Amino acid sequence: MAFVTEVSLRNITLTDRAIALWGTIKDNFVKRRAYRRTVNELCALSSAELNDLGLNRSMIRRIAYETTYGV
């Protein structure tokens, strides 16, 4: 039986690292903005509207976090 293994070594440059870091920062910023927007929109609802959705005010931050970050 024969096995073939291909190993590709790529030099990761400082530019590649900077681009990856910028992408991570940008993704985190977008997620944080979505979280804040969700919290603000849910906080703007009346208690009756939240009750219609099956939510109460103590659940807003958890719901926003789960929705945004998928935890």
N, C-alpha and C. Protein backbone atom coordinates (compact mmCIF):
# COMPACT_ATOMS: atom_id res chain seq x y z
N MET A 1 0.84 -1.16 0.00
CA MET A 1 0.00 0.00 0.00
C MET A 1 0.90 1.23 0.00
N ALA A 2 0.55 2.21 -0.80
CA ALA A 2 1.36 3.42 -0.92
C ALA A 2 0.55 4.62 -0.43
N PHE A 3 1.25 5.53 0.21
CA PHE A 3 0.62 6.75 0.70
C PHE A 3 1.35 7.93 0.08
N VAL A 4 0.58 8.93 -0.29
CA VAL A 4 1.16 10.15 -0.83
C VAL A 4 0.75 11.30 0.07
N THR A 5 1.72 12.05 0.48
CA THR A 5 1.46 13.20 1.32
C THR A 5 2.04 14.42 0.65
N GLU A 6 1.21 15.45 0.53
CA GLU A 6 1.67 16.69 -0.07
C GLU A 6 1.70 17.75 1.01
N VAL A 7 2.84 18.33 1.21
CA VAL A 7 3.01 19.36 2.22
C VAL A 7 3.35 20.65 1.50
N SER A 8 2.56 21.65 1.76
CA SER A 8 2.79 22.95 1.15
C SER A 8 3.14 23.94 2.24
N LEU A 9 4.36 24.39 2.22
CA LEU A 9 4.79 25.38 3.20
C LEU A 9 4.75 26.74 2.53
N ARG A 10 4.03 27.63 3.14
CA ARG A 10 3.89 28.97 2.59
C ARG A 10 4.46 29.95 3.59
N ASN A 11 5.26 30.81 3.11
CA ASN A 11 5.82 31.84 3.98
C ASN A 11 4.73 32.86 4.29
N ILE A 12 4.43 32.99 5.57
CA ILE A 12 3.44 33.96 5.99
C ILE A 12 4.16 35.26 6.30
N THR A 13 3.83 36.26 5.56
CA THR A 13 4.52 37.54 5.71
C THR A 13 3.80 38.41 6.74
N LEU A 14 4.45 39.47 7.10
CA LEU A 14 3.86 40.43 8.02
C LEU A 14 2.59 41.04 7.42
N THR A 15 2.60 41.24 6.12
CA THR A 15 1.43 41.78 5.44
C THR A 15 0.25 40.82 5.56
N ASP A 16 0.51 39.53 5.37
CA ASP A 16 -0.56 38.53 5.51
C ASP A 16 -1.14 38.55 6.92
N ARG A 17 -0.28 38.67 7.91
CA ARG A 17 -0.75 38.72 9.30
C ARG A 17 -1.56 39.97 9.57
N ALA A 18 -1.11 41.09 9.02
CA ALA A 18 -1.83 42.35 9.21
C ALA A 18 -3.21 42.29 8.56
N ILE A 19 -3.29 41.70 7.38
CA ILE A 19 -4.56 41.56 6.69
C ILE A 19 -5.50 40.66 7.48
N ALA A 20 -4.98 39.57 8.02
CA ALA A 20 -5.79 38.65 8.82
C ALA A 20 -6.27 39.35 10.10
N LEU A 21 -5.40 40.11 10.73
CA LEU A 21 -5.78 40.84 11.94
C LEU A 21 -6.85 41.87 11.63
N TRP A 22 -6.69 42.59 10.54
CA TRP A 22 -7.69 43.59 10.16
C TRP A 22 -9.04 42.92 9.89
N GLY A 23 -9.04 41.76 9.26
CA GLY A 23 -10.28 41.03 9.01
C GLY A 23 -10.96 40.62 10.30
N THR A 24 -10.18 40.17 11.27
CA THR A 24 -10.73 39.80 12.57
C THR A 24 -11.31 41.00 13.29
N ILE A 25 -10.59 42.10 13.27
CA ILE A 25 -11.08 43.33 13.91
C ILE A 25 -12.37 43.79 13.26
N LYS A 26 -12.41 43.75 11.94
CA LYS A 26 -13.60 44.18 11.20
C LYS A 26 -14.79 43.27 11.53
N ASP A 27 -14.58 41.97 11.56
CA ASP A 27 -15.66 41.03 11.89
C ASP A 27 -16.19 41.28 13.29
N ASN A 28 -15.29 41.49 14.24
CA ASN A 28 -15.71 41.76 15.61
C ASN A 28 -16.49 43.07 15.72
N PHE A 29 -16.07 44.08 14.97
CA PHE A 29 -16.76 45.37 14.96
C PHE A 29 -18.18 45.21 14.40
N VAL A 30 -18.31 44.46 13.31
CA VAL A 30 -19.62 44.25 12.69
C VAL A 30 -20.55 43.49 13.64
N LYS A 31 -20.02 42.48 14.30
CA LYS A 31 -20.84 41.71 15.25
C LYS A 31 -21.25 42.57 16.43
N ARG A 32 -20.33 43.36 16.95
CA ARG A 32 -20.65 44.22 18.10
C ARG A 32 -21.72 45.24 17.72
N ARG A 33 -21.62 45.79 16.52
CA ARG A 33 -22.62 46.75 16.06
C ARG A 33 -23.99 46.09 15.93
N ALA A 34 -24.03 44.86 15.42
CA ALA A 34 -25.29 44.13 15.29
C ALA A 34 -25.87 43.85 16.67
N TYR A 35 -25.02 43.50 17.64
CA TYR A 35 -25.47 43.25 19.01
C TYR A 35 -26.10 44.51 19.60
N ARG A 36 -25.40 45.65 19.48
CA ARG A 36 -25.92 46.91 20.02
C ARG A 36 -27.23 47.30 19.36
N ARG A 37 -27.32 47.11 18.03
CA ARG A 37 -28.53 47.44 17.31
C ARG A 37 -29.70 46.58 17.79
N THR A 38 -29.45 45.29 17.99
CA THR A 38 -30.49 44.39 18.46
C THR A 38 -30.96 44.77 19.86
N VAL A 39 -30.01 45.05 20.75
CA VAL A 39 -30.38 45.47 22.11
C VAL A 39 -31.20 46.75 22.07
N ASN A 40 -30.76 47.73 21.30
CA ASN A 40 -31.48 49.00 21.22
C ASN A 40 -32.89 48.82 20.67
N GLU A 41 -33.04 48.00 19.64
CA GLU A 41 -34.36 47.79 19.06
C GLU A 41 -35.28 47.06 20.03
N LEU A 42 -34.76 46.07 20.75
CA LEU A 42 -35.60 45.36 21.71
C LEU A 42 -35.94 46.24 22.91
N CYS A 43 -35.01 47.08 23.33
CA CYS A 43 -35.28 47.99 24.44
C CYS A 43 -36.33 49.04 24.07
N ALA A 44 -36.43 49.36 22.80
CA ALA A 44 -37.39 50.36 22.34
C ALA A 44 -38.82 49.81 22.34
N LEU A 45 -38.98 48.50 22.40
CA LEU A 45 -40.32 47.92 22.41
C LEU A 45 -40.97 48.11 23.78
N SER A 46 -42.28 48.21 23.76
CA SER A 46 -43.01 48.31 25.03
C SER A 46 -43.05 46.93 25.70
N SER A 47 -43.42 46.93 26.95
CA SER A 47 -43.52 45.66 27.68
C SER A 47 -44.58 44.76 27.06
N ALA A 48 -45.65 45.35 26.57
CA ALA A 48 -46.70 44.56 25.93
C ALA A 48 -46.20 43.92 24.64
N GLU A 49 -45.41 44.67 23.86
CA GLU A 49 -44.85 44.11 22.62
C GLU A 49 -43.86 42.99 22.92
N LEU A 50 -43.04 43.19 23.94
CA LEU A 50 -42.11 42.13 24.33
C LEU A 50 -42.86 40.90 24.80
N ASN A 51 -43.93 41.13 25.55
CA ASN A 51 -44.75 40.01 26.03
C ASN A 51 -45.36 39.25 24.86
N ASP A 52 -45.79 39.96 23.82
CA ASP A 52 -46.33 39.31 22.62
C ASP A 52 -45.28 38.40 21.96
N LEU A 53 -44.02 38.79 22.07
CA LEU A 53 -42.93 37.99 21.50
C LEU A 53 -42.48 36.88 22.45
N GLY A 54 -43.04 36.85 23.64
CA GLY A 54 -42.65 35.85 24.63
C GLY A 54 -41.37 36.20 25.35
N LEU A 55 -41.07 37.50 25.42
CA LEU A 55 -39.83 37.96 26.06
C LEU A 55 -40.16 38.89 27.21
N ASN A 56 -39.21 39.04 28.11
CA ASN A 56 -39.29 40.11 29.10
C ASN A 56 -37.97 40.86 29.08
N ARG A 57 -37.95 42.00 29.75
CA ARG A 57 -36.78 42.88 29.66
C ARG A 57 -35.49 42.22 30.14
N SER A 58 -35.57 41.31 31.07
CA SER A 58 -34.36 40.68 31.58
C SER A 58 -33.70 39.75 30.56
N MET A 59 -34.42 39.41 29.51
CA MET A 59 -33.90 38.49 28.49
C MET A 59 -33.24 39.20 27.31
N ILE A 60 -33.37 40.51 27.24
CA ILE A 60 -32.96 41.24 26.04
C ILE A 60 -31.48 41.03 25.71
N ARG A 61 -30.60 41.23 26.65
CA ARG A 61 -29.16 41.12 26.36
C ARG A 61 -28.77 39.69 25.98
N ARG A 62 -29.36 38.70 26.64
CA ARG A 62 -29.05 37.31 26.32
C ARG A 62 -29.54 36.95 24.93
N ILE A 63 -30.74 37.37 24.59
CA ILE A 63 -31.29 37.09 23.26
C ILE A 63 -30.44 37.77 22.19
N ALA A 64 -30.06 39.01 22.43
CA ALA A 64 -29.23 39.73 21.45
C ALA A 64 -27.88 39.05 21.28
N TYR A 65 -27.28 38.60 22.38
CA TYR A 65 -25.98 37.93 22.32
C TYR A 65 -26.08 36.61 21.55
N GLU A 66 -27.09 35.83 21.88
CA GLU A 66 -27.27 34.54 21.20
C GLU A 66 -27.55 34.72 19.72
N THR A 67 -28.33 35.74 19.40
CA THR A 67 -28.65 36.01 18.00
C THR A 67 -27.42 36.45 17.22
N THR A 68 -26.63 37.32 17.82
CA THR A 68 -25.47 37.87 17.12
C THR A 68 -24.31 36.89 17.04
N TYR A 69 -23.97 36.28 18.15
CA TYR A 69 -22.78 35.44 18.21
C TYR A 69 -23.06 33.95 18.04
N GLY A 70 -24.34 33.59 18.02
CA GLY A 70 -24.70 32.20 17.78
C GLY A 70 -24.32 31.24 18.88
N VAL A 71 -24.31 31.72 20.09
CA VAL A 71 -23.94 30.86 21.23
C VAL A 71 -25.17 30.26 21.83
